Amino acid sequence: HAFAAPVGALVIAALSFGAARSAAAQSTDRAAPPAHFAPMAFLAESCWKGAFPDNVATDEHCFTWVYGKQFLRDKHIVRNGKTPYEGETMYALDVAAKQVSYVYWSSDGNTMRGTVESRGDSLIFPTRLDTPKGPIEIKAVWTRLGPDRYRVWQAQKVGDAWKPMMTMELTRSGAAR
């Protein structure tokens, strides 16, 4: 068989390359996240759950690293006894702006883009939404309360002031799925 040796060498080379890539991926999984994600790293590889102020609807966020910790994915679902509302956010470094930015997609067809600022134990998400009735400015602040809890505060800008919309505490509810 004239092709046996070259084909066998190619198979061994491919298997070796795959093993090397797998080892590299595993070492990336254990590596610290890039510095720009350090303030958000406590969220990763966990699910977090909280109840809305009505104590009926719940919101669960599950955060996972993707592509060698170059991105942080947040899949969330709001359950309120009716059809669940779902969304997914992908966080990444905006190299030009030198800050973390995000894109959010929701089950109702909306998309939002924004940035993440870090101040002390808080992550601030200023967002401007363009709607048919004009732009809306909203802001969420996630404040870390300990290793397994954070508080979410959301507000909408009305005139020159921020009008609070809701507050919720989320607790770590297990490993991300």
N, C-alpha and C. Protein backbone atom coordinates (compact mmCIF):
# COMPACT_ATOMS: atom_id res chain seq x y z
N HIS A 1 0.83 -1.18 0.00
CA HIS A 1 0.00 0.00 0.00
C HIS A 1 0.87 1.24 0.00
N ALA A 2 0.92 1.89 -1.11
CA ALA A 2 1.80 3.04 -1.27
C ALA A 2 1.36 4.23 -0.43
N PHE A 3 0.04 4.34 -0.14
CA PHE A 3 -0.45 5.50 0.60
C PHE A 3 -0.54 5.27 2.10
N ALA A 4 -0.26 4.09 2.56
CA ALA A 4 -0.42 3.76 3.99
C ALA A 4 0.44 4.63 4.88
N ALA A 5 1.69 4.79 4.55
CA ALA A 5 2.59 5.57 5.41
C ALA A 5 2.21 7.05 5.42
N PRO A 6 2.01 7.69 4.26
CA PRO A 6 1.65 9.11 4.30
C PRO A 6 0.30 9.36 4.99
N VAL A 7 -0.69 8.52 4.72
CA VAL A 7 -1.99 8.69 5.37
C VAL A 7 -1.85 8.49 6.87
N GLY A 8 -1.13 7.47 7.29
CA GLY A 8 -0.91 7.23 8.71
C GLY A 8 -0.20 8.41 9.35
N ALA A 9 0.77 9.00 8.68
CA ALA A 9 1.49 10.16 9.22
C ALA A 9 0.56 11.35 9.34
N LEU A 10 -0.34 11.53 8.35
CA LEU A 10 -1.30 12.64 8.42
C LEU A 10 -2.27 12.45 9.58
N VAL A 11 -2.74 11.26 9.79
CA VAL A 11 -3.66 10.99 10.90
C VAL A 11 -2.97 11.28 12.23
N ILE A 12 -1.72 10.81 12.38
CA ILE A 12 -0.98 11.06 13.62
C ILE A 12 -0.76 12.56 13.80
N ALA A 13 -0.40 13.26 12.71
CA ALA A 13 -0.19 14.71 12.79
C ALA A 13 -1.49 15.42 13.19
N ALA A 14 -2.60 15.01 12.59
CA ALA A 14 -3.89 15.63 12.92
C ALA A 14 -4.27 15.37 14.37
N LEU A 15 -4.07 14.14 14.84
CA LEU A 15 -4.37 13.83 16.23
C LEU A 15 -3.48 14.61 17.18
N SER A 16 -2.21 14.75 16.83
CA SER A 16 -1.28 15.53 17.66
C SER A 16 -1.69 16.98 17.71
N PHE A 17 -2.09 17.55 16.55
CA PHE A 17 -2.54 18.94 16.50
C PHE A 17 -3.79 19.12 17.35
N GLY A 18 -4.74 18.18 17.25
CA GLY A 18 -5.96 18.24 18.05
C GLY A 18 -5.66 18.17 19.53
N ALA A 19 -4.73 17.29 19.92
CA ALA A 19 -4.36 17.18 21.34
C ALA A 19 -3.68 18.46 21.82
N ALA A 20 -2.84 19.05 20.98
CA ALA A 20 -2.18 20.31 21.36
C ALA A 20 -3.20 21.42 21.52
N ARG A 21 -4.18 21.49 20.61
CA ARG A 21 -5.23 22.51 20.71
C ARG A 21 -6.07 22.29 21.95
N SER A 22 -6.39 21.04 22.27
CA SER A 22 -7.17 20.73 23.46
C SER A 22 -6.42 21.13 24.71
N ALA A 23 -5.12 20.85 24.77
CA ALA A 23 -4.32 21.23 25.93
C ALA A 23 -4.25 22.74 26.06
N ALA A 24 -4.13 23.44 24.93
CA ALA A 24 -4.09 24.91 24.96
C ALA A 24 -5.43 25.46 25.45
N ALA A 25 -6.52 24.86 24.99
CA ALA A 25 -7.84 25.32 25.43
C ALA A 25 -8.03 25.11 26.92
N GLN A 26 -7.56 23.95 27.43
CA GLN A 26 -7.68 23.68 28.86
C GLN A 26 -6.86 24.66 29.67
N SER A 27 -5.65 25.01 29.21
CA SER A 27 -4.84 25.96 29.97
C SER A 27 -5.46 27.35 29.90
N THR A 28 -6.12 27.70 28.79
CA THR A 28 -6.83 28.98 28.69
C THR A 28 -8.00 29.00 29.66
N ASP A 29 -8.70 27.86 29.81
CA ASP A 29 -9.83 27.80 30.73
C ASP A 29 -9.39 28.06 32.17
N ARG A 30 -8.17 27.63 32.52
CA ARG A 30 -7.67 27.82 33.88
C ARG A 30 -7.02 29.18 34.07
N ALA A 31 -6.66 29.83 32.97
CA ALA A 31 -5.98 31.12 33.04
C ALA A 31 -6.92 32.20 33.55
N ALA A 32 -6.32 33.21 34.12
CA ALA A 32 -7.11 34.36 34.58
C ALA A 32 -7.73 35.05 33.37
N PRO A 33 -8.89 35.66 33.54
CA PRO A 33 -9.50 36.37 32.41
C PRO A 33 -8.66 37.61 32.07
N PRO A 34 -8.82 38.15 30.87
CA PRO A 34 -8.12 39.38 30.53
C PRO A 34 -8.46 40.49 31.54
N ALA A 35 -7.54 41.41 31.74
CA ALA A 35 -7.70 42.46 32.76
C ALA A 35 -9.00 43.26 32.60
N HIS A 36 -9.44 43.49 31.37
CA HIS A 36 -10.66 44.28 31.16
C HIS A 36 -11.90 43.58 31.73
N PHE A 37 -11.84 42.26 31.90
CA PHE A 37 -12.97 41.52 32.47
C PHE A 37 -12.85 41.29 33.97
N ALA A 38 -11.75 41.70 34.59
CA ALA A 38 -11.55 41.43 36.02
C ALA A 38 -12.72 41.86 36.89
N PRO A 39 -13.32 43.04 36.71
CA PRO A 39 -14.45 43.42 37.57
C PRO A 39 -15.69 42.55 37.40
N MET A 40 -15.81 41.86 36.26
CA MET A 40 -16.98 41.02 35.98
C MET A 40 -16.70 39.54 36.22
N ALA A 41 -15.46 39.16 36.46
CA ALA A 41 -15.06 37.76 36.50
C ALA A 41 -15.80 36.95 37.55
N PHE A 42 -16.23 37.59 38.65
CA PHE A 42 -16.94 36.85 39.70
C PHE A 42 -18.26 36.26 39.19
N LEU A 43 -18.81 36.80 38.14
CA LEU A 43 -20.07 36.32 37.57
C LEU A 43 -19.91 35.03 36.77
N ALA A 44 -18.72 34.83 36.21
CA ALA A 44 -18.49 33.78 35.22
C ALA A 44 -18.64 32.38 35.78
N GLU A 45 -19.13 31.52 34.90
CA GLU A 45 -19.32 30.08 35.16
C GLU A 45 -20.33 29.82 36.27
N SER A 46 -21.22 30.78 36.52
CA SER A 46 -22.27 30.62 37.53
C SER A 46 -23.60 31.15 37.01
N CYS A 47 -24.66 30.65 37.62
CA CYS A 47 -25.99 31.20 37.40
C CYS A 47 -26.35 32.00 38.64
N TRP A 48 -27.13 33.04 38.44
CA TRP A 48 -27.55 33.96 39.50
C TRP A 48 -29.05 34.17 39.36
N LYS A 49 -29.76 34.11 40.48
CA LYS A 49 -31.22 34.20 40.40
C LYS A 49 -31.75 35.20 41.43
N GLY A 50 -32.77 35.95 41.02
CA GLY A 50 -33.40 36.91 41.91
C GLY A 50 -34.88 37.04 41.61
N ALA A 51 -35.60 37.60 42.56
CA ALA A 51 -37.04 37.83 42.39
C ALA A 51 -37.29 39.32 42.16
N PHE A 52 -38.21 39.61 41.27
CA PHE A 52 -38.62 40.99 41.05
C PHE A 52 -39.36 41.49 42.29
N PRO A 53 -39.53 42.80 42.42
CA PRO A 53 -40.21 43.34 43.60
C PRO A 53 -41.59 42.73 43.87
N ASP A 54 -42.27 42.19 42.84
CA ASP A 54 -43.59 41.57 43.06
C ASP A 54 -43.49 40.20 43.72
N ASN A 55 -42.26 39.67 43.87
CA ASN A 55 -42.01 38.35 44.44
C ASN A 55 -42.70 37.21 43.68
N VAL A 56 -43.08 37.46 42.43
CA VAL A 56 -43.67 36.43 41.58
C VAL A 56 -42.71 36.11 40.44
N ALA A 57 -42.36 37.12 39.67
CA ALA A 57 -41.45 36.92 38.54
C ALA A 57 -40.02 36.78 39.04
N THR A 58 -39.26 35.92 38.37
CA THR A 58 -37.85 35.73 38.70
C THR A 58 -37.01 35.99 37.46
N ASP A 59 -35.76 36.33 37.70
CA ASP A 59 -34.80 36.56 36.63
C ASP A 59 -33.57 35.72 36.95
N GLU A 60 -33.14 34.90 35.99
CA GLU A 60 -31.95 34.09 36.18
C GLU A 60 -30.95 34.38 35.06
N HIS A 61 -29.71 34.68 35.44
CA HIS A 61 -28.62 34.94 34.51
C HIS A 61 -27.57 33.86 34.67
N CYS A 62 -27.13 33.28 33.56
CA CYS A 62 -26.05 32.29 33.57
C CYS A 62 -24.92 32.82 32.69
N PHE A 63 -23.75 32.99 33.30
CA PHE A 63 -22.59 33.58 32.65
C PHE A 63 -21.56 32.51 32.32
N THR A 64 -21.06 32.51 31.09
CA THR A 64 -20.01 31.57 30.69
C THR A 64 -18.97 32.31 29.85
N TRP A 65 -17.73 31.88 29.99
CA TRP A 65 -16.66 32.38 29.13
C TRP A 65 -16.80 31.70 27.78
N VAL A 66 -16.49 32.41 26.72
CA VAL A 66 -16.47 31.80 25.39
C VAL A 66 -15.22 32.26 24.65
N TYR A 67 -14.77 31.42 23.73
CA TYR A 67 -13.62 31.69 22.87
C TYR A 67 -12.39 32.08 23.68
N GLY A 68 -12.02 31.21 24.62
CA GLY A 68 -10.79 31.42 25.38
C GLY A 68 -10.82 32.64 26.27
N LYS A 69 -11.98 32.93 26.83
CA LYS A 69 -12.19 34.07 27.74
C LYS A 69 -12.03 35.42 27.04
N GLN A 70 -12.21 35.43 25.73
CA GLN A 70 -12.21 36.70 25.01
C GLN A 70 -13.57 37.38 25.07
N PHE A 71 -14.60 36.59 25.42
CA PHE A 71 -15.97 37.10 25.53
C PHE A 71 -16.61 36.49 26.77
N LEU A 72 -17.57 37.21 27.34
CA LEU A 72 -18.38 36.69 28.44
C LEU A 72 -19.82 36.70 27.96
N ARG A 73 -20.46 35.52 28.01
CA ARG A 73 -21.86 35.38 27.55
C ARG A 73 -22.77 35.34 28.77
N ASP A 74 -23.89 36.04 28.70
CA ASP A 74 -24.91 36.05 29.74
C ASP A 74 -26.23 35.66 29.10
N LYS A 75 -26.71 34.46 29.42
CA LYS A 75 -28.04 34.04 28.96
C LYS A 75 -28.98 34.22 30.14
N HIS A 76 -30.10 34.92 29.92
CA HIS A 76 -31.02 35.12 31.05
C HIS A 76 -32.44 34.80 30.63
N ILE A 77 -33.23 34.47 31.65
CA ILE A 77 -34.63 34.14 31.43
C ILE A 77 -35.46 34.70 32.58
N VAL A 78 -36.54 35.38 32.20
CA VAL A 78 -37.49 35.91 33.18
C VAL A 78 -38.70 34.99 33.14
N ARG A 79 -39.02 34.44 34.30
CA ARG A 79 -40.19 33.57 34.42
C ARG A 79 -41.22 34.28 35.29
N ASN A 80 -42.45 34.32 34.77
CA ASN A 80 -43.52 35.00 35.51
C ASN A 80 -44.85 34.27 35.40
N GLY A 81 -44.79 32.97 35.16
CA GLY A 81 -46.02 32.19 35.06
C GLY A 81 -46.58 32.16 33.66
N LYS A 82 -46.16 33.07 32.80
CA LYS A 82 -46.61 33.10 31.41
C LYS A 82 -45.45 32.62 30.55
N THR A 83 -45.46 32.98 29.29
CA THR A 83 -44.36 32.63 28.41
C THR A 83 -43.09 33.31 28.91
N PRO A 84 -42.00 32.58 29.08
CA PRO A 84 -40.77 33.22 29.56
C PRO A 84 -40.24 34.24 28.56
N TYR A 85 -39.60 35.25 29.10
CA TYR A 85 -38.88 36.24 28.30
C TYR A 85 -37.40 35.88 28.43
N GLU A 86 -36.72 35.81 27.30
CA GLU A 86 -35.32 35.41 27.33
C GLU A 86 -34.46 36.43 26.60
N GLY A 87 -33.19 36.44 26.96
CA GLY A 87 -32.24 37.32 26.29
C GLY A 87 -30.84 36.77 26.42
N GLU A 88 -29.97 37.28 25.58
CA GLU A 88 -28.57 36.89 25.62
C GLU A 88 -27.72 38.13 25.38
N THR A 89 -26.69 38.25 26.19
CA THR A 89 -25.75 39.37 26.08
C THR A 89 -24.36 38.80 25.83
N MET A 90 -23.62 39.45 24.96
CA MET A 90 -22.22 39.10 24.74
C MET A 90 -21.39 40.33 25.07
N TYR A 91 -20.49 40.15 26.03
CA TYR A 91 -19.58 41.22 26.44
C TYR A 91 -18.24 41.02 25.77
N ALA A 92 -17.61 42.11 25.34
CA ALA A 92 -16.32 42.05 24.66
C ALA A 92 -15.57 43.35 24.89
N LEU A 93 -14.29 43.32 24.64
CA LEU A 93 -13.49 44.54 24.71
C LEU A 93 -13.67 45.32 23.42
N ASP A 94 -14.09 46.57 23.55
CA ASP A 94 -14.11 47.49 22.41
C ASP A 94 -12.72 48.12 22.39
N VAL A 95 -11.87 47.65 21.49
CA VAL A 95 -10.47 48.05 21.47
C VAL A 95 -10.34 49.56 21.24
N ALA A 96 -11.13 50.12 20.34
CA ALA A 96 -11.03 51.55 20.03
C ALA A 96 -11.40 52.41 21.25
N ALA A 97 -12.47 52.02 21.95
CA ALA A 97 -12.92 52.79 23.12
C ALA A 97 -12.17 52.40 24.40
N LYS A 98 -11.44 51.29 24.35
CA LYS A 98 -10.68 50.77 25.50
C LYS A 98 -11.59 50.52 26.70
N GLN A 99 -12.74 49.91 26.42
CA GLN A 99 -13.65 49.53 27.49
C GLN A 99 -14.52 48.36 27.04
N VAL A 100 -15.12 47.71 28.02
CA VAL A 100 -16.00 46.58 27.73
C VAL A 100 -17.32 47.13 27.18
N SER A 101 -17.79 46.52 26.12
CA SER A 101 -19.08 46.87 25.54
C SER A 101 -19.91 45.60 25.42
N TYR A 102 -21.18 45.77 25.09
CA TYR A 102 -22.03 44.59 24.96
C TYR A 102 -23.07 44.77 23.88
N VAL A 103 -23.58 43.64 23.43
CA VAL A 103 -24.75 43.58 22.55
C VAL A 103 -25.72 42.62 23.22
N TYR A 104 -26.99 43.04 23.31
CA TYR A 104 -28.04 42.24 23.94
C TYR A 104 -29.12 41.95 22.92
N TRP A 105 -29.52 40.69 22.84
CA TRP A 105 -30.61 40.27 21.97
C TRP A 105 -31.70 39.68 22.85
N SER A 106 -32.98 39.98 22.55
CA SER A 106 -34.06 39.45 23.39
C SER A 106 -35.08 38.68 22.56
N SER A 107 -35.86 37.87 23.26
CA SER A 107 -36.85 37.03 22.60
C SER A 107 -37.99 37.82 21.97
N ASP A 108 -38.11 39.11 22.32
CA ASP A 108 -39.13 39.93 21.69
C ASP A 108 -38.60 40.69 20.46
N GLY A 109 -37.36 40.35 20.06
CA GLY A 109 -36.80 40.90 18.84
C GLY A 109 -36.00 42.18 19.01
N ASN A 110 -35.86 42.67 20.22
CA ASN A 110 -35.10 43.90 20.45
C ASN A 110 -33.61 43.62 20.57
N THR A 111 -32.83 44.62 20.24
CA THR A 111 -31.39 44.58 20.38
C THR A 111 -30.95 45.86 21.08
N MET A 112 -30.01 45.73 22.02
CA MET A 112 -29.44 46.89 22.69
C MET A 112 -27.93 46.79 22.64
N ARG A 113 -27.30 47.94 22.59
CA ARG A 113 -25.84 48.02 22.66
C ARG A 113 -25.50 49.00 23.77
N GLY A 114 -24.43 48.70 24.47
CA GLY A 114 -24.02 49.61 25.53
C GLY A 114 -22.60 49.33 25.97
N THR A 115 -22.23 49.98 27.05
CA THR A 115 -20.89 49.83 27.61
C THR A 115 -21.00 49.46 29.08
N VAL A 116 -19.87 49.03 29.63
CA VAL A 116 -19.80 48.67 31.04
C VAL A 116 -18.69 49.50 31.67
N GLU A 117 -19.03 50.18 32.75
CA GLU A 117 -18.04 50.93 33.51
C GLU A 117 -17.91 50.25 34.87
N SER A 118 -16.70 50.27 35.41
CA SER A 118 -16.46 49.68 36.73
C SER A 118 -16.06 50.78 37.70
N ARG A 119 -16.78 50.84 38.84
CA ARG A 119 -16.45 51.79 39.91
C ARG A 119 -16.56 51.06 41.24
N GLY A 120 -15.43 50.81 41.88
CA GLY A 120 -15.43 50.09 43.15
C GLY A 120 -16.03 48.72 42.97
N ASP A 121 -17.06 48.40 43.77
CA ASP A 121 -17.75 47.11 43.68
C ASP A 121 -18.95 47.13 42.73
N SER A 122 -19.05 48.18 41.92
CA SER A 122 -20.22 48.33 41.04
C SER A 122 -19.84 48.28 39.57
N LEU A 123 -20.74 47.69 38.79
CA LEU A 123 -20.68 47.71 37.34
C LEU A 123 -21.82 48.59 36.86
N ILE A 124 -21.54 49.58 36.03
CA ILE A 124 -22.55 50.52 35.56
C ILE A 124 -22.76 50.30 34.07
N PHE A 125 -24.04 50.18 33.68
CA PHE A 125 -24.42 49.90 32.30
C PHE A 125 -25.27 51.06 31.77
N PRO A 126 -24.66 52.14 31.28
CA PRO A 126 -25.46 53.21 30.68
C PRO A 126 -25.89 52.79 29.27
N THR A 127 -27.16 52.99 28.95
CA THR A 127 -27.68 52.55 27.66
C THR A 127 -28.64 53.59 27.09
N ARG A 128 -28.52 53.82 25.82
CA ARG A 128 -29.45 54.71 25.12
C ARG A 128 -30.19 53.86 24.09
N LEU A 129 -31.51 53.88 24.17
CA LEU A 129 -32.35 53.13 23.24
C LEU A 129 -33.03 54.10 22.29
N ASP A 130 -32.94 53.84 21.00
CA ASP A 130 -33.68 54.63 20.04
C ASP A 130 -35.00 53.94 19.79
N THR A 131 -36.09 54.64 20.06
CA THR A 131 -37.43 54.08 19.90
C THR A 131 -38.22 54.97 18.92
N PRO A 132 -39.36 54.47 18.42
CA PRO A 132 -40.18 55.31 17.53
C PRO A 132 -40.62 56.62 18.19
N LYS A 133 -40.69 56.63 19.53
CA LYS A 133 -41.10 57.85 20.25
C LYS A 133 -39.91 58.72 20.64
N GLY A 134 -38.72 58.31 20.23
CA GLY A 134 -37.53 59.07 20.56
C GLY A 134 -36.59 58.27 21.45
N PRO A 135 -35.42 58.83 21.73
CA PRO A 135 -34.43 58.09 22.53
C PRO A 135 -34.84 57.98 23.99
N ILE A 136 -34.46 56.86 24.59
CA ILE A 136 -34.68 56.62 26.02
C ILE A 136 -33.31 56.29 26.62
N GLU A 137 -32.99 56.91 27.73
CA GLU A 137 -31.76 56.60 28.44
C GLU A 137 -32.10 55.80 29.68
N ILE A 138 -31.45 54.64 29.82
CA ILE A 138 -31.62 53.84 31.02
C ILE A 138 -30.24 53.53 31.57
N LYS A 139 -30.22 53.17 32.83
CA LYS A 139 -28.96 52.82 33.47
C LYS A 139 -29.23 51.71 34.47
N ALA A 140 -28.37 50.72 34.45
CA ALA A 140 -28.40 49.66 35.46
C ALA A 140 -27.09 49.71 36.22
N VAL A 141 -27.17 49.48 37.52
CA VAL A 141 -25.97 49.41 38.36
C VAL A 141 -26.03 48.09 39.10
N TRP A 142 -25.01 47.25 38.90
CA TRP A 142 -24.90 45.98 39.61
C TRP A 142 -23.82 46.16 40.68
N THR A 143 -24.20 46.02 41.94
CA THR A 143 -23.26 46.20 43.04
C THR A 143 -23.03 44.87 43.73
N ARG A 144 -21.79 44.46 43.79
CA ARG A 144 -21.43 43.20 44.44
C ARG A 144 -21.58 43.35 45.95
N LEU A 145 -22.34 42.44 46.55
CA LEU A 145 -22.61 42.48 47.99
C LEU A 145 -21.83 41.42 48.75
N GLY A 146 -21.09 40.60 48.07
CA GLY A 146 -20.33 39.51 48.67
C GLY A 146 -19.98 38.53 47.58
N PRO A 147 -19.39 37.39 47.94
CA PRO A 147 -18.98 36.44 46.90
C PRO A 147 -20.14 35.80 46.16
N ASP A 148 -21.33 35.78 46.76
CA ASP A 148 -22.47 35.07 46.16
C ASP A 148 -23.72 35.92 45.99
N ARG A 149 -23.57 37.26 46.02
CA ARG A 149 -24.75 38.14 45.87
C ARG A 149 -24.36 39.44 45.18
N TYR A 150 -25.30 39.94 44.39
CA TYR A 150 -25.17 41.31 43.88
C TYR A 150 -26.56 41.92 43.75
N ARG A 151 -26.59 43.26 43.84
CA ARG A 151 -27.86 43.99 43.74
C ARG A 151 -27.91 44.70 42.40
N VAL A 152 -29.09 44.66 41.78
CA VAL A 152 -29.33 45.37 40.52
C VAL A 152 -30.26 46.54 40.82
N TRP A 153 -29.87 47.71 40.36
CA TRP A 153 -30.70 48.92 40.45
C TRP A 153 -30.84 49.44 39.04
N GLN A 154 -32.09 49.70 38.61
CA GLN A 154 -32.32 50.21 37.26
C GLN A 154 -33.09 51.51 37.34
N ALA A 155 -32.74 52.43 36.43
CA ALA A 155 -33.42 53.72 36.40
C ALA A 155 -33.51 54.20 34.95
N GLN A 156 -34.47 55.11 34.73
CA GLN A 156 -34.64 55.74 33.42
C GLN A 156 -34.47 57.24 33.61
N LYS A 157 -33.80 57.87 32.67
CA LYS A 157 -33.59 59.31 32.76
C LYS A 157 -34.87 60.03 32.32
N VAL A 158 -35.36 60.88 33.21
CA VAL A 158 -36.54 61.69 32.94
C VAL A 158 -36.11 63.13 33.18
N GLY A 159 -36.04 63.92 32.11
CA GLY A 159 -35.49 65.27 32.23
C GLY A 159 -34.02 65.16 32.57
N ASP A 160 -33.64 65.80 33.66
CA ASP A 160 -32.24 65.74 34.10
C ASP A 160 -32.02 64.77 35.24
N ALA A 161 -33.06 64.06 35.66
CA ALA A 161 -32.95 63.19 36.84
C ALA A 161 -33.15 61.72 36.45
N TRP A 162 -32.61 60.83 37.30
CA TRP A 162 -32.79 59.39 37.11
C TRP A 162 -33.96 58.93 37.96
N LYS A 163 -34.99 58.37 37.32
CA LYS A 163 -36.17 57.86 38.01
C LYS A 163 -35.99 56.35 38.23
N PRO A 164 -35.88 55.90 39.49
CA PRO A 164 -35.70 54.46 39.74
C PRO A 164 -36.86 53.64 39.17
N MET A 165 -36.50 52.50 38.57
CA MET A 165 -37.50 51.60 38.01
C MET A 165 -37.65 50.35 38.86
N MET A 166 -36.53 49.81 39.37
CA MET A 166 -36.61 48.61 40.19
C MET A 166 -35.26 48.30 40.82
N THR A 167 -35.32 47.51 41.87
CA THR A 167 -34.13 46.98 42.54
C THR A 167 -34.37 45.50 42.78
N MET A 168 -33.32 44.71 42.63
CA MET A 168 -33.42 43.26 42.81
C MET A 168 -32.08 42.75 43.32
N GLU A 169 -32.11 41.76 44.20
CA GLU A 169 -30.89 41.08 44.62
C GLU A 169 -30.84 39.72 43.95
N LEU A 170 -29.67 39.38 43.41
CA LEU A 170 -29.47 38.07 42.80
C LEU A 170 -28.44 37.32 43.63
N THR A 171 -28.67 36.02 43.77
CA THR A 171 -27.72 35.18 44.51
C THR A 171 -27.24 34.06 43.58
N ARG A 172 -26.03 33.60 43.84
CA ARG A 172 -25.48 32.51 43.04
C ARG A 172 -26.36 31.29 43.25
N SER A 173 -26.83 30.69 42.16
CA SER A 173 -27.75 29.56 42.27
C SER A 173 -27.15 28.27 41.73
N GLY A 174 -25.91 28.29 41.33
CA GLY A 174 -25.26 27.07 40.85
C GLY A 174 -24.34 27.34 39.69
N ALA A 175 -23.79 26.26 39.16
CA ALA A 175 -22.89 26.37 38.02
C ALA A 175 -23.67 26.70 36.74
N ALA A 176 -23.03 27.45 35.86
CA ALA A 176 -23.67 27.81 34.60
C ALA A 176 -23.93 26.56 33.79
N ARG A 177 -25.02 26.57 33.06
CA ARG A 177 -25.40 25.42 32.22
C ARG A 177 -25.07 25.71 30.78
